[in-house]
Protein backbone atom coordinates (compact mmCIF):
# COMPACT_ATOMS: atom_id res chain seq x y z
CA MET A 1 0.16 -0.10 -0.04
CA ASN A 2 1.01 3.39 -0.97
CA CYS A 3 1.27 6.56 1.42
CA LEU A 4 1.12 9.95 0.17
CA PHE A 5 2.76 13.04 1.85
CA ARG A 6 2.65 16.40 1.17
CA LEU A 7 6.00 18.05 2.50
CA SER A 8 7.22 21.70 2.19
CA LEU A 9 10.20 23.17 3.52
CA HIS A 10 10.76 26.82 5.01
CA GLN A 11 11.15 29.79 2.66
CA THR A 12 13.77 31.37 4.45
CA PRO A 13 17.34 31.00 3.33
CA LEU A 14 19.68 28.18 4.98
CA SER A 15 23.19 27.20 5.24
CA ARG A 16 24.25 24.01 3.31
CA ASP A 17 24.81 22.47 6.41
CA MET A 18 21.34 23.49 7.95
CA PHE A 19 19.43 22.62 4.60
CA ARG A 20 21.20 19.06 4.84
CA GLN A 21 20.58 18.74 8.28
CA LYS A 22 16.67 19.91 7.81
CA THR A 23 16.23 17.38 5.13
CA LEU A 24 17.90 14.39 6.57
CA LEU A 25 15.24 14.92 9.37
CA LEU A 26 12.06 15.62 7.09
CA VAL A 27 13.49 11.96 5.53
CA ALA A 28 13.84 10.31 8.75
CA LEU A 29 10.52 11.49 9.66
CA VAL A 30 8.92 10.40 6.47
CA LEU A 31 10.32 6.90 7.11
CA ALA A 32 9.22 6.65 10.38
CA VAL A 33 5.53 7.58 9.67
CA SER A 34 5.73 5.35 6.73
CA LEU A 35 7.05 2.51 8.88
CA SER A 36 4.63 3.02 11.56
CA GLY A 37 1.45 4.32 10.16
CA CYS A 38 1.13 2.77 6.81
CA ALA A 39 1.93 -0.95 7.79
CA GLY A 40 -1.37 -1.76 9.43
CA MET A 41 -3.56 0.21 7.40
CA LYS A 42 -5.57 -1.27 4.65
CA LYS A 43 -7.91 0.92 2.53
CA ILE A 44 -11.17 -0.70 1.20
CA GLU A 45 -13.29 1.76 -0.80
CA SER A 46 -16.85 2.10 0.55
CA ALA A 47 -19.72 2.30 -1.98
CA ASN A 48 -21.87 4.19 0.60
CA GLN A 49 -20.23 7.76 -0.17
CA ASN A 50 -20.22 10.85 -2.28
CA SER A 51 -18.95 14.09 -2.81
CA ARG A 52 -18.98 16.90 -0.33
CA VAL A 53 -19.75 19.37 -2.98
CA SER A 54 -23.04 19.65 -4.15
CA ILE A 55 -23.47 23.55 -5.13
CA ILE A 56 -21.31 25.95 -7.53
CA VAL A 57 -21.76 29.74 -6.75
CA ILE A 58 -20.69 32.48 -9.70
CA HIS A 59 -19.18 35.58 -8.10
CA PHE A 60 -17.84 38.71 -10.04
CA THR A 61 -15.02 40.77 -7.94
CA THR A 62 -15.66 44.15 -8.89
CA ALA A 63 -11.82 45.01 -8.40
CA ASP A 64 -9.33 44.44 -11.56
CA PHE A 65 -6.97 41.22 -11.24
CA GLY A 66 -4.31 42.41 -8.78
CA ASP A 67 -6.61 43.55 -6.47
CA SER A 68 -8.70 40.93 -6.75
CA LEU A 69 -5.85 38.23 -6.23
CA SER A 70 -4.68 40.22 -3.07
CA ILE A 71 -8.15 40.25 -1.73
CA LEU A 72 -8.82 36.92 -2.33
CA THR A 73 -5.20 35.38 -0.52
CA GLN A 74 -3.91 37.85 1.87
CA PRO A 75 -5.06 38.26 5.20
CA SER A 76 -7.35 40.95 6.57
CA ASN A 77 -9.88 42.06 9.04
CA ARG A 78 -12.56 41.05 6.74
CA PRO A 79 -10.93 37.71 5.27
CA VAL A 80 -12.52 36.12 1.73
CA SER A 81 -11.12 33.65 -0.32
CA SER A 82 -12.74 31.29 -3.47
CA HIS A 83 -11.39 28.20 -4.98
CA TYR A 84 -11.05 29.66 -8.33
CA LEU A 85 -10.43 32.98 -10.12
CA ILE A 86 -10.49 33.51 -13.67
CA PRO A 87 -9.11 36.86 -14.93
CA GLU A 88 -10.17 38.99 -17.70
CA PRO A 89 -8.18 40.55 -20.78
CA ASN A 90 -6.81 43.92 -21.27
CA ASP A 91 -6.20 44.22 -17.53
CA PRO A 92 -2.92 46.07 -16.79
CA THR A 93 -2.29 44.28 -13.40
CA TYR A 94 -2.34 41.00 -15.46
CA ASP A 95 0.95 40.14 -16.57
CA ARG A 96 0.62 37.37 -18.61
CA PRO A 97 0.19 36.27 -22.17
CA GLU A 98 -2.49 34.03 -21.98
CA LEU A 99 -5.90 33.90 -19.32
CA THR A 100 -5.19 31.24 -16.90
CA THR A 101 -7.52 30.00 -14.25
CA PHE A 102 -5.88 30.41 -10.87
CA GLN A 103 -6.72 27.86 -8.08
CA LEU A 104 -6.61 29.58 -4.71
CA VAL A 105 -8.15 26.79 -2.38
CA ASP A 106 -8.34 23.28 -2.77
CA GLU A 107 -11.92 21.89 -3.48
CA LEU A 108 -11.76 19.80 -0.49
CA ARG A 109 -10.94 22.81 1.61
CA ARG A 110 -13.72 25.30 2.73
CA ALA A 111 -13.29 28.72 0.95
CA TRP A 112 -14.73 32.02 2.64
CA HIS A 113 -16.83 32.90 -0.53
CA ALA A 114 -20.91 32.28 0.43
CA GLY A 115 -21.00 33.96 4.03
CA THR A 116 -24.51 33.73 5.22
CA SER A 117 -26.23 32.05 2.80
CA TYR A 118 -29.00 29.53 1.75
CA TRP A 119 -30.31 26.79 -0.85
CA ALA A 120 -32.52 24.21 -1.71
CA GLY A 121 -32.77 23.96 2.29
CA LYS A 122 -28.91 23.86 3.32
CA THR A 123 -27.43 26.48 5.27
CA GLY A 124 -23.96 27.63 5.69
CA LEU A 125 -22.85 27.05 1.90
CA ASN A 126 -18.85 27.46 2.20
CA ASP A 127 -19.13 24.00 3.76
CA GLN A 128 -20.65 22.25 0.77
CA SER A 129 -19.93 24.40 -2.25
CA ILE A 130 -17.21 25.46 -4.75
CA GLY A 131 -16.82 29.15 -5.25
CA ILE A 132 -15.56 31.20 -9.09
CA GLU A 133 -14.78 34.60 -8.77
CA LEU A 134 -14.43 36.25 -12.59
CA VAL A 135 -12.48 39.48 -12.47
CA ASN A 136 -15.26 41.71 -13.68
CA ARG A 137 -15.11 45.44 -13.00
CA SER A 138 -18.81 46.52 -12.56
CA TRP A 139 -19.15 49.45 -10.06
CA CYS A 140 -21.85 51.60 -8.50
CA HIS A 141 -22.19 55.36 -7.90
CA ALA A 142 -23.58 56.43 -4.97
CA SER A 143 -25.76 59.56 -5.30
CA GLU A 144 -24.88 62.62 -2.95
CA GLU A 145 -28.09 64.23 -3.92
CA TRP A 146 -30.50 61.79 -2.84
CA VAL A 147 -30.87 59.61 0.27
CA ASP A 148 -33.48 56.88 0.80
CA PRO A 149 -35.27 58.94 4.14
CA GLU A 150 -36.48 55.50 5.32
CA SER A 151 -33.14 53.32 4.73
CA GLY A 152 -30.57 56.11 4.82
CA VAL A 153 -29.56 54.46 1.67
CA PRO A 154 -28.46 56.70 -1.14
CA ASP A 155 -29.70 56.18 -4.43
CA ARG A 156 -27.25 54.36 -7.04
CA LEU A 157 -26.62 53.91 -10.83
CA CYS A 158 -24.78 51.04 -11.63
CA PHE A 159 -22.95 49.87 -14.49
CA PHE A 160 -22.14 46.15 -15.89
CA PRO A 161 -19.73 45.40 -18.17
CA ASP A 162 -19.91 41.99 -20.36
CA PHE A 163 -17.93 39.35 -19.78
CA ALA A 164 -15.02 38.63 -22.01
CA GLU A 165 -15.24 35.71 -24.47
CA GLY A 166 -11.65 34.31 -23.30
CA GLN A 167 -13.48 34.30 -19.78
CA ILE A 168 -16.25 32.21 -20.63
CA ASP A 169 -14.20 29.84 -22.44
CA LEU A 170 -11.90 29.14 -19.04
CA LEU A 171 -15.17 28.94 -17.14
CA VAL A 172 -16.67 26.32 -19.71
CA GLU A 173 -13.57 24.45 -19.01
CA LEU A 174 -13.58 24.82 -15.31
CA LEU A 175 -17.11 23.68 -14.86
CA ASP A 176 -16.64 20.67 -17.18
CA ASP A 177 -13.77 19.85 -14.65
CA ILE A 178 -15.59 20.04 -11.53
CA LEU A 179 -18.67 18.47 -12.88
CA GLU A 180 -16.43 15.23 -13.53
CA ARG A 181 -15.29 15.34 -10.13
CA HIS A 182 -18.68 16.13 -8.76
CA PRO A 183 -21.02 14.49 -11.14
CA ASN A 184 -24.06 15.01 -8.95
CA ILE A 185 -24.03 18.55 -8.54
CA LYS A 186 -27.36 19.27 -10.19
CA PRO A 187 -28.18 21.99 -13.19
CA THR A 188 -30.22 23.76 -10.32
CA HIS A 189 -27.37 23.81 -7.82
CA ILE A 190 -25.03 25.87 -10.28
CA VAL A 191 -26.23 29.58 -9.22
CA ALA A 192 -25.28 33.15 -8.26
CA HIS A 193 -23.81 34.72 -5.25
CA SER A 194 -27.27 36.51 -5.35
CA ASP A 195 -29.27 33.59 -5.72
CA ILE A 196 -27.83 32.15 -2.37
CA ALA A 197 -27.89 35.82 -0.53
CA PRO A 198 -30.18 38.00 -2.07
CA SER A 199 -30.81 40.71 0.32
CA ARG A 200 -26.63 41.42 0.24
CA LYS A 201 -25.66 40.59 -3.10
CA ILE A 202 -26.07 41.13 -7.19
CA ASP A 203 -23.27 39.24 -8.76
CA PRO A 204 -22.78 38.23 -11.16
CA GLY A 205 -24.91 40.74 -12.19
CA PRO A 206 -27.41 40.93 -15.48
CA ARG A 207 -24.76 40.39 -18.05
CA PHE A 208 -23.77 36.93 -16.99
CA PRO A 209 -24.81 34.72 -19.97
CA TRP A 210 -26.62 32.08 -17.54
CA GLN A 211 -28.78 30.83 -20.78
CA ARG A 212 -25.59 30.59 -22.64
CA LEU A 213 -23.86 28.12 -20.43
CA ALA A 214 -26.95 26.62 -19.58
CA THR A 215 -27.17 25.47 -23.53
CA MET A 216 -23.76 24.02 -23.18
CA GLY A 217 -24.76 21.88 -20.24
CA TYR A 218 -23.97 24.03 -17.10
CA GLY A 219 -26.66 25.12 -15.16
CA ALA A 220 -30.32 25.59 -15.29
CA TRP A 221 -32.79 27.21 -17.98
CA TYR A 222 -36.15 27.02 -18.95
CA ASP A 223 -38.25 26.36 -22.11
CA ASP A 224 -39.90 28.87 -23.95
CA ALA A 225 -42.63 26.92 -25.09
CA THR A 226 -43.67 26.37 -21.13
CA VAL A 227 -43.28 29.63 -20.10
CA ILE A 228 -45.85 30.71 -22.75
CA ARG A 229 -47.92 28.07 -21.28
CA TYR A 230 -47.67 29.22 -18.12
CA TRP A 231 -48.10 32.80 -18.96
CA GLU A 232 -51.49 32.46 -20.76
CA LYS A 233 -52.53 30.34 -17.81
CA PHE A 234 -52.15 33.14 -15.09
CA ARG A 235 -53.56 35.78 -17.37
CA ASP A 236 -56.97 34.26 -16.50
CA GLU A 237 -55.97 32.74 -12.84
CA PRO A 238 -53.22 34.88 -11.57
CA LEU A 239 -51.34 33.31 -8.71
CA PRO A 240 -51.63 35.16 -5.41
CA VAL A 241 -48.24 36.21 -3.52
CA SER A 242 -48.49 33.36 -1.37
CA ASN A 243 -48.04 30.91 -3.93
CA VAL A 244 -45.01 32.84 -5.66
CA GLN A 245 -43.36 32.77 -2.44
CA GLN A 246 -43.94 28.99 -2.17
CA ALA A 247 -42.48 28.22 -5.71
CA LEU A 248 -39.93 30.43 -5.14
CA GLY A 249 -38.94 28.49 -2.17
CA ALA A 250 -39.19 25.27 -3.83
CA TYR A 251 -37.10 26.25 -6.51
CA GLY A 252 -34.47 26.89 -3.83
CA TYR A 253 -34.65 30.17 -2.56
CA LYS A 254 -34.78 31.50 0.93
CA ILE A 255 -37.99 32.94 1.63
CA ASP A 256 -41.21 33.19 4.38
CA VAL A 257 -44.71 32.72 3.11
CA THR A 258 -45.97 35.91 4.10
CA GLY A 259 -48.50 36.62 1.67
CA GLU A 260 -47.43 39.97 1.26
CA HIS A 261 -44.70 41.48 -1.85
CA ASP A 262 -42.38 42.71 1.29
CA GLU A 263 -38.74 43.48 1.28
CA GLN A 264 -37.60 40.04 1.18
CA SER A 265 -39.83 39.17 -1.74
CA ARG A 266 -38.39 42.04 -3.86
CA ASP A 267 -34.81 40.62 -2.80
CA VAL A 268 -35.53 37.24 -3.84
CA MET A 269 -37.80 38.10 -6.99
CA ARG A 270 -34.62 40.17 -8.05
CA ALA A 271 -32.31 37.77 -7.58
CA PHE A 272 -34.27 35.31 -9.42
CA GLN A 273 -34.99 37.94 -12.31
CA LEU A 274 -31.05 38.86 -12.36
CA HIS A 275 -30.77 35.26 -13.12
CA PHE A 276 -33.34 34.07 -15.56
CA ARG A 277 -34.82 37.86 -16.37
CA PRO A 278 -31.84 40.01 -16.83
CA TRP A 279 -33.92 42.23 -19.08
CA GLU A 280 -36.71 42.50 -16.60
CA VAL A 281 -34.77 43.16 -13.06
CA THR A 282 -37.64 45.32 -11.42
CA SER A 283 -37.83 43.58 -8.00
CA GLU A 284 -41.82 43.09 -8.88
CA ILE A 285 -43.89 39.72 -9.20
CA SER A 286 -44.76 40.15 -12.84
CA ARG A 287 -46.70 37.55 -14.67
CA GLU A 288 -43.83 36.81 -16.79
CA SER A 289 -41.60 36.21 -14.02
CA THR A 290 -43.98 33.84 -12.53
CA ALA A 291 -44.72 31.87 -15.96
CA THR A 292 -40.52 31.77 -16.10
CA LEU A 293 -40.28 30.23 -12.44
CA PHE A 294 -43.02 27.88 -13.12
CA ALA A 295 -41.58 26.80 -16.48
CA LEU A 296 -38.32 25.80 -14.31
CA LEU A 297 -40.06 23.71 -11.57
CA ASP A 298 -42.21 22.17 -14.54
CA LYS A 299 -38.84 21.14 -15.71
CA TYR A 300 -36.43 20.49 -12.83
CA TYR A 301 -38.98 19.56 -9.96
CA PRO A 302 -42.34 18.64 -11.72
CA GLU A 303 -43.60 16.69 -8.81
CA THR A 304 -43.85 20.17 -6.82
CA VAL A 305 -46.12 21.92 -9.38
CA GLU A 306 -49.85 20.45 -9.00
CA GLU A 307 -49.67 21.78 -5.04
CA LEU A 308 -48.34 24.61 -5.86
CA LEU A 309 -51.23 25.67 -8.41
CA ILE A 310 -53.52 25.39 -5.80
CA ILE A 311 -55.19 28.67 -4.88
CA GLU A 312 -56.53 29.00 -1.48
CA GLU A 313 -57.70 32.79 -1.64
CA PRO A 314 -59.19 34.35 -4.46
CA VAL A 315 -56.98 37.18 -6.69
CA ASP A 316 -57.83 40.33 -8.33
CA ALA A 317 -56.21 40.07 -11.54
CA ASP A 318 -56.90 43.94 -12.19
CA GLU A 319 -55.37 44.65 -8.40
CA PRO A 320 -51.59 45.67 -9.12
CA ALA A 321 -48.96 44.38 -6.95
CA ASP A 322 -48.08 46.87 -3.66
CA SER A 323 -44.75 47.13 -4.18
CA GLU A 324 -41.84 49.26 -5.45
CA PRO A 325 -38.20 48.50 -6.55
CA THR A 326 -35.54 48.82 -4.03
CA ASP A 327 -32.36 47.61 -6.09
CA GLY A 328 -30.62 50.57 -4.07
CA GLU A 329 -30.03 49.03 -0.78
CA THR A 330 -27.98 46.24 -1.05
CA LEU A 331 -25.63 47.40 -4.57
CA PRO A 332 -22.03 47.78 -3.59
CA THR A 333 -20.65 51.31 -4.24
CA ALA A 334 -17.76 52.42 -6.49
CA ALA A 335 -15.33 52.10 -3.78
CA GLN A 336 -16.51 48.80 -2.16
CA PRO A 337 -15.41 45.57 -3.18
CA GLU A 338 -18.33 42.71 -4.02
CA MET A 339 -15.85 39.95 -2.74
CA ALA A 340 -16.97 40.29 0.79
CA GLU A 341 -18.46 37.10 1.86
């Protein structure tokens, strides 16, 4: 039976004699452990196991490569990391001739990228997820003229540049490798940071190509014909807010069923729209978004649909939802990196 050891020498310069002594000591230690630790050990692979990794979380950095690498690898008073970092082209802080994916944390170890998070009944997603950061310098300008009188949060205007083709090519290669190692990750478990923390995060933002990746086999997307079917159905049979909240929870989002389009519902609906309807990020529970949600459930969780369509209270089809978009309260400022957990 073979034993694998990972050894490292201290980086401080050593004299030749000191180096020889340290090397002999390490060799002796390896031999001792080999003889004592492996001689009586036999490995029998159990069939009753699977990967600890069940979720892939996609992020953007808001910072350039140099700052991103520093933030994700160096100690600080707000430590954060990810398993992988993918740079973007034409970044003056990136000095390699070709784009390369950087692994910062081993997949079997916990990276600090998700923070307070939830998806499909699971919390503390750092324990069971792989985090991928893409360098993308999205940013927001905070108004100095207007502040929300209730929340005290300034109005913000945000800018979201496209993701470079080279980045997406690297991401596809990486996702392919990850899914080969962790084949039990479901399409619905390749998610955005905003999906797992909708009240705090908006990354990777409305420009991230979720549909394109899904057509290549990475992540979830809906069938247009199914959306149309539900869109027509909900014209005459609109769903109450409580049903939509239950449906969002059935898909994976953390949401309480209150029957009101409250702040948590606006946050979750915004996250859903950022992922699946980026041309309609209003935070409103629209018929189009509801139809899209049910098309996804119909495709990936069909056993839930029948019960979610049961209406316990009549709904006035002409009554608008009592809500206002509140994108401002969780968007990052221009000087604030998005990479905090």
